[in-house]
N, C-alpha and C. Protein backbone atom coordinates (compact mmCIF):
# COMPACT_ATOMS: atom_id res chain seq x y z
N MET A 1 -0.81 -65.64 27.37
CA MET A 1 -0.08 -64.39 27.49
C MET A 1 0.14 -64.08 28.96
N VAL A 2 1.29 -63.50 29.27
CA VAL A 2 1.63 -63.18 30.65
C VAL A 2 1.19 -61.76 30.95
N ASP A 3 0.45 -61.58 32.06
CA ASP A 3 -0.05 -60.26 32.40
C ASP A 3 1.06 -59.29 32.81
N ASN A 4 2.04 -59.77 33.53
CA ASN A 4 3.10 -58.92 34.05
C ASN A 4 4.42 -59.32 33.40
N PRO A 5 4.97 -58.49 32.50
CA PRO A 5 6.19 -58.89 31.78
C PRO A 5 7.40 -59.09 32.68
N GLY A 6 7.43 -58.51 33.89
CA GLY A 6 8.56 -58.69 34.79
C GLY A 6 8.36 -59.83 35.77
N SER A 7 7.23 -60.53 35.63
CA SER A 7 6.94 -61.59 36.60
C SER A 7 7.84 -62.80 36.37
N GLU A 8 7.82 -63.67 37.34
CA GLU A 8 8.64 -64.89 37.26
C GLU A 8 8.19 -65.77 36.09
N ASP A 9 6.87 -65.81 35.82
CA ASP A 9 6.37 -66.60 34.70
C ASP A 9 6.93 -66.09 33.37
N ALA A 10 7.04 -64.77 33.24
CA ALA A 10 7.57 -64.21 32.00
C ALA A 10 9.04 -64.54 31.85
N VAL A 11 9.77 -64.45 32.93
CA VAL A 11 11.20 -64.73 32.90
C VAL A 11 11.45 -66.20 32.60
N MET A 12 10.65 -67.07 33.16
CA MET A 12 10.83 -68.50 32.99
C MET A 12 10.13 -69.01 31.73
N GLY A 13 9.50 -68.12 30.97
CA GLY A 13 8.82 -68.55 29.74
C GLY A 13 7.58 -69.37 30.04
N GLY A 14 6.95 -69.12 31.19
CA GLY A 14 5.74 -69.84 31.55
C GLY A 14 6.01 -71.21 32.15
N ARG A 15 7.28 -71.64 32.19
CA ARG A 15 7.61 -72.94 32.77
C ARG A 15 7.80 -72.83 34.27
N GLU A 16 7.54 -73.91 34.96
CA GLU A 16 7.80 -73.93 36.40
C GLU A 16 9.29 -74.08 36.63
N LYS A 17 9.75 -73.50 37.73
CA LYS A 17 11.15 -73.68 38.11
C LYS A 17 11.37 -75.15 38.43
N SER A 18 12.49 -75.69 37.96
CA SER A 18 12.79 -77.07 38.32
C SER A 18 13.56 -77.06 39.63
N ARG A 19 13.14 -77.87 40.56
CA ARG A 19 13.79 -77.96 41.86
C ARG A 19 14.32 -79.36 42.05
N SER A 20 15.46 -79.40 42.65
CA SER A 20 16.04 -80.70 42.95
C SER A 20 15.21 -81.36 44.04
N ARG A 21 15.03 -82.65 43.93
CA ARG A 21 14.30 -83.34 44.99
C ARG A 21 15.21 -83.65 46.17
N TYR A 22 16.50 -83.39 46.02
CA TYR A 22 17.46 -83.60 47.10
C TYR A 22 17.88 -82.24 47.65
N ALA A 23 17.42 -81.91 48.84
CA ALA A 23 17.76 -80.63 49.43
C ALA A 23 19.20 -80.65 49.91
N ARG A 24 19.94 -79.63 49.57
CA ARG A 24 21.33 -79.54 50.03
C ARG A 24 21.35 -78.87 51.39
N THR A 25 22.09 -79.44 52.29
CA THR A 25 22.24 -78.89 53.62
C THR A 25 23.71 -78.56 53.84
N PRO A 26 24.02 -77.34 54.27
CA PRO A 26 25.42 -76.99 54.51
C PRO A 26 26.02 -77.87 55.61
N THR A 27 27.28 -78.23 55.45
CA THR A 27 27.96 -79.01 56.48
C THR A 27 28.52 -78.10 57.56
N GLU A 28 28.74 -76.84 57.21
CA GLU A 28 29.17 -75.83 58.18
C GLU A 28 29.01 -74.45 57.56
N TYR A 29 29.26 -73.43 58.37
CA TYR A 29 29.14 -72.05 57.91
C TYR A 29 30.46 -71.33 58.16
N ALA A 30 30.98 -70.68 57.14
CA ALA A 30 32.17 -69.86 57.29
C ALA A 30 31.71 -68.43 57.54
N VAL A 31 32.15 -67.87 58.66
CA VAL A 31 31.79 -66.51 59.02
C VAL A 31 33.03 -65.65 58.82
N HIS A 32 32.92 -64.69 57.92
CA HIS A 32 34.03 -63.80 57.59
C HIS A 32 33.84 -62.50 58.36
N LEU A 33 34.76 -62.20 59.24
CA LEU A 33 34.71 -60.96 60.03
C LEU A 33 35.62 -59.93 59.36
N MET A 34 35.05 -58.82 58.94
CA MET A 34 35.84 -57.72 58.39
C MET A 34 36.06 -56.74 59.54
N ILE A 35 37.33 -56.52 59.85
CA ILE A 35 37.69 -55.74 61.02
C ILE A 35 38.32 -54.43 60.57
N GLU A 36 38.08 -53.40 61.35
CA GLU A 36 38.63 -52.08 61.08
C GLU A 36 40.13 -52.18 60.80
N GLY A 37 40.60 -51.45 59.83
CA GLY A 37 42.01 -51.49 59.47
C GLY A 37 42.30 -52.45 58.33
N GLY A 38 41.25 -53.11 57.81
CA GLY A 38 41.43 -53.99 56.66
C GLY A 38 41.71 -55.44 56.98
N HIS A 39 41.71 -55.81 58.26
CA HIS A 39 41.95 -57.20 58.63
C HIS A 39 40.70 -58.03 58.38
N ARG A 40 40.91 -59.29 58.02
CA ARG A 40 39.80 -60.24 57.81
C ARG A 40 40.12 -61.53 58.52
N GLU A 41 39.13 -62.08 59.17
CA GLU A 41 39.28 -63.37 59.84
C GLU A 41 38.11 -64.25 59.46
N GLU A 42 38.38 -65.54 59.36
CA GLU A 42 37.33 -66.51 59.06
C GLU A 42 37.20 -67.46 60.23
N VAL A 43 35.98 -67.65 60.67
CA VAL A 43 35.66 -68.57 61.76
C VAL A 43 34.57 -69.49 61.25
N ARG A 44 34.62 -70.74 61.62
CA ARG A 44 33.61 -71.70 61.14
C ARG A 44 32.70 -72.13 62.28
N PHE A 45 31.42 -72.24 61.95
CA PHE A 45 30.41 -72.71 62.89
C PHE A 45 29.73 -73.93 62.28
N SER A 46 29.37 -74.89 63.12
CA SER A 46 28.73 -76.13 62.65
C SER A 46 27.33 -75.88 62.11
N THR A 47 26.59 -74.98 62.77
CA THR A 47 25.21 -74.70 62.36
C THR A 47 25.00 -73.19 62.34
N ILE A 48 23.97 -72.77 61.63
CA ILE A 48 23.63 -71.35 61.60
C ILE A 48 23.13 -70.91 62.97
N GLN A 49 22.47 -71.83 63.69
CA GLN A 49 21.97 -71.51 65.03
C GLN A 49 23.12 -71.25 66.00
N GLU A 50 24.21 -72.00 65.85
CA GLU A 50 25.39 -71.79 66.68
C GLU A 50 25.97 -70.39 66.45
N PHE A 51 26.04 -69.98 65.19
CA PHE A 51 26.51 -68.63 64.87
C PHE A 51 25.56 -67.59 65.45
N GLN A 52 24.26 -67.77 65.25
CA GLN A 52 23.27 -66.80 65.73
C GLN A 52 23.33 -66.66 67.25
N LYS A 53 23.57 -67.76 67.94
CA LYS A 53 23.68 -67.72 69.41
C LYS A 53 24.89 -66.87 69.82
N TRP A 54 26.04 -67.08 69.17
CA TRP A 54 27.22 -66.28 69.48
C TRP A 54 27.01 -64.82 69.11
N TYR A 55 26.44 -64.59 67.93
CA TYR A 55 26.22 -63.24 67.43
C TYR A 55 25.29 -62.45 68.36
N SER A 56 24.14 -63.03 68.69
CA SER A 56 23.16 -62.31 69.50
C SER A 56 23.51 -62.31 70.99
N GLY A 57 24.27 -63.31 71.45
CA GLY A 57 24.61 -63.39 72.86
C GLY A 57 25.90 -62.71 73.25
N GLU A 58 26.86 -62.62 72.32
CA GLU A 58 28.17 -62.05 72.62
C GLU A 58 28.44 -60.75 71.88
N LEU A 59 28.28 -60.77 70.58
CA LEU A 59 28.70 -59.63 69.76
C LEU A 59 27.75 -58.45 69.84
N VAL A 60 26.47 -58.67 69.64
CA VAL A 60 25.50 -57.57 69.60
C VAL A 60 25.41 -56.84 70.94
N PRO A 61 25.29 -57.54 72.07
CA PRO A 61 25.17 -56.80 73.34
C PRO A 61 26.38 -55.92 73.65
N LYS A 62 27.54 -56.26 73.11
CA LYS A 62 28.76 -55.50 73.40
C LYS A 62 29.28 -54.79 72.15
N SER A 63 28.39 -54.50 71.20
CA SER A 63 28.81 -53.98 69.90
C SER A 63 29.56 -52.65 69.96
N SER A 64 29.33 -51.85 70.96
CA SER A 64 30.04 -50.57 71.05
C SER A 64 31.21 -50.63 72.03
N SER A 65 31.48 -51.81 72.58
CA SER A 65 32.54 -51.97 73.57
C SER A 65 33.92 -52.09 72.94
N ASP A 66 34.91 -51.55 73.64
CA ASP A 66 36.31 -51.71 73.23
C ASP A 66 36.99 -52.83 74.01
N GLU A 67 36.24 -53.53 74.86
CA GLU A 67 36.80 -54.66 75.60
C GLU A 67 36.77 -55.90 74.71
N PHE A 68 37.73 -56.78 74.90
CA PHE A 68 37.81 -57.99 74.10
C PHE A 68 36.70 -58.97 74.43
N ILE A 69 36.20 -59.67 73.39
CA ILE A 69 35.30 -60.81 73.58
C ILE A 69 35.91 -62.00 72.85
N SER A 70 35.59 -63.18 73.31
CA SER A 70 36.11 -64.40 72.67
C SER A 70 35.32 -64.75 71.43
N VAL A 71 36.05 -65.22 70.44
CA VAL A 71 35.43 -65.74 69.22
C VAL A 71 35.70 -67.24 69.21
N PRO A 72 34.65 -68.05 69.15
CA PRO A 72 34.87 -69.50 69.20
C PRO A 72 35.58 -70.03 67.97
N ILE A 73 36.69 -70.73 68.18
CA ILE A 73 37.42 -71.39 67.10
C ILE A 73 37.42 -72.87 67.47
N LYS A 74 36.52 -73.62 66.87
CA LYS A 74 36.38 -75.02 67.25
C LYS A 74 37.18 -75.96 66.39
N ASN A 75 37.60 -75.51 65.22
CA ASN A 75 38.30 -76.42 64.32
C ASN A 75 39.81 -76.39 64.50
N ILE A 76 40.33 -75.54 65.37
CA ILE A 76 41.77 -75.46 65.61
C ILE A 76 42.01 -75.62 67.11
N GLN A 77 42.62 -76.72 67.51
CA GLN A 77 42.87 -76.94 68.92
C GLN A 77 44.03 -76.11 69.41
N GLY A 78 43.92 -75.61 70.63
CA GLY A 78 45.01 -74.85 71.23
C GLY A 78 45.07 -73.40 70.82
N GLU A 79 44.16 -72.95 69.96
CA GLU A 79 44.14 -71.56 69.54
C GLU A 79 42.84 -70.92 69.97
N TYR A 80 42.92 -69.64 70.19
CA TYR A 80 41.71 -68.88 70.47
C TYR A 80 41.88 -67.50 69.87
N MET A 81 40.77 -66.79 69.72
CA MET A 81 40.81 -65.46 69.14
C MET A 81 39.92 -64.55 69.97
N VAL A 82 40.37 -63.34 70.17
CA VAL A 82 39.55 -62.32 70.81
C VAL A 82 39.50 -61.11 69.89
N ILE A 83 38.38 -60.42 69.92
CA ILE A 83 38.24 -59.21 69.10
C ILE A 83 37.57 -58.12 69.93
N ARG A 84 37.72 -56.92 69.47
CA ARG A 84 36.99 -55.79 70.06
C ARG A 84 35.72 -55.61 69.22
N PRO A 85 34.55 -55.82 69.81
CA PRO A 85 33.30 -55.77 69.03
C PRO A 85 33.11 -54.45 68.28
N SER A 86 33.59 -53.35 68.85
CA SER A 86 33.39 -52.05 68.20
C SER A 86 34.22 -51.92 66.92
N ARG A 87 35.16 -52.82 66.68
CA ARG A 87 36.03 -52.75 65.51
C ARG A 87 35.56 -53.64 64.36
N VAL A 88 34.52 -54.43 64.58
CA VAL A 88 33.96 -55.26 63.51
C VAL A 88 33.08 -54.38 62.65
N ILE A 89 33.43 -54.27 61.36
CA ILE A 89 32.68 -53.38 60.48
C ILE A 89 31.72 -54.12 59.55
N ALA A 90 31.96 -55.42 59.34
CA ALA A 90 31.07 -56.21 58.48
C ALA A 90 31.23 -57.69 58.80
N ILE A 91 30.17 -58.43 58.54
CA ILE A 91 30.19 -59.89 58.72
C ILE A 91 29.53 -60.51 57.50
N ARG A 92 30.18 -61.52 56.95
CA ARG A 92 29.59 -62.28 55.84
C ARG A 92 29.48 -63.73 56.28
N VAL A 93 28.32 -64.32 56.10
CA VAL A 93 28.09 -65.72 56.46
C VAL A 93 27.95 -66.51 55.17
N GLU A 94 28.79 -67.53 55.03
CA GLU A 94 28.83 -68.33 53.81
C GLU A 94 28.55 -69.79 54.13
N PRO A 95 27.48 -70.37 53.60
CA PRO A 95 27.25 -71.80 53.81
C PRO A 95 28.28 -72.61 53.03
N ILE A 96 28.81 -73.64 53.66
CA ILE A 96 29.80 -74.51 53.02
C ILE A 96 29.14 -75.86 52.78
N PHE A 97 29.13 -76.27 51.53
CA PHE A 97 28.55 -77.57 51.15
C PHE A 97 29.70 -78.51 50.78
N SER A 98 29.85 -79.57 51.55
CA SER A 98 30.88 -80.55 51.26
C SER A 98 30.23 -81.84 50.79
N SER A 99 30.74 -82.37 49.70
CA SER A 99 30.23 -83.66 49.24
C SER A 99 30.97 -84.77 49.96
N SER A 100 30.54 -85.97 49.82
CA SER A 100 31.21 -87.08 50.47
C SER A 100 32.63 -87.25 49.95
N VAL A 101 32.89 -86.81 48.71
CA VAL A 101 34.22 -86.90 48.14
C VAL A 101 35.17 -85.93 48.85
N ASP A 102 34.65 -84.73 49.20
CA ASP A 102 35.48 -83.72 49.86
C ASP A 102 35.93 -84.15 51.25
N ARG A 103 35.17 -85.00 51.90
CA ARG A 103 35.47 -85.37 53.29
C ARG A 103 36.58 -86.36 53.42
N PHE A 104 36.97 -87.04 52.34
CA PHE A 104 37.99 -88.08 52.44
C PHE A 104 39.35 -87.61 52.01
């Protein structure tokens, strides 16, 4: 008998969660910037650490500023993007998992 009816054991029927022995690693991260006025932009980062470095080094220190800061766009050559940090109202980070089939 399960002591706590809301516990994970109760939900799983006393069975252990099955875990894949192959850990999935994202190939990149899509960062969705929701900007004041309803605009949305998507920027991709190779690693979560790369995003965190940009976020903590560029965006957060200037979060109340109306001056433009650069947003790294590495997957599109010849283009760049600048935003006003004070106009960013939300950020969503989405891991992207690509299989070997998707890459070809």
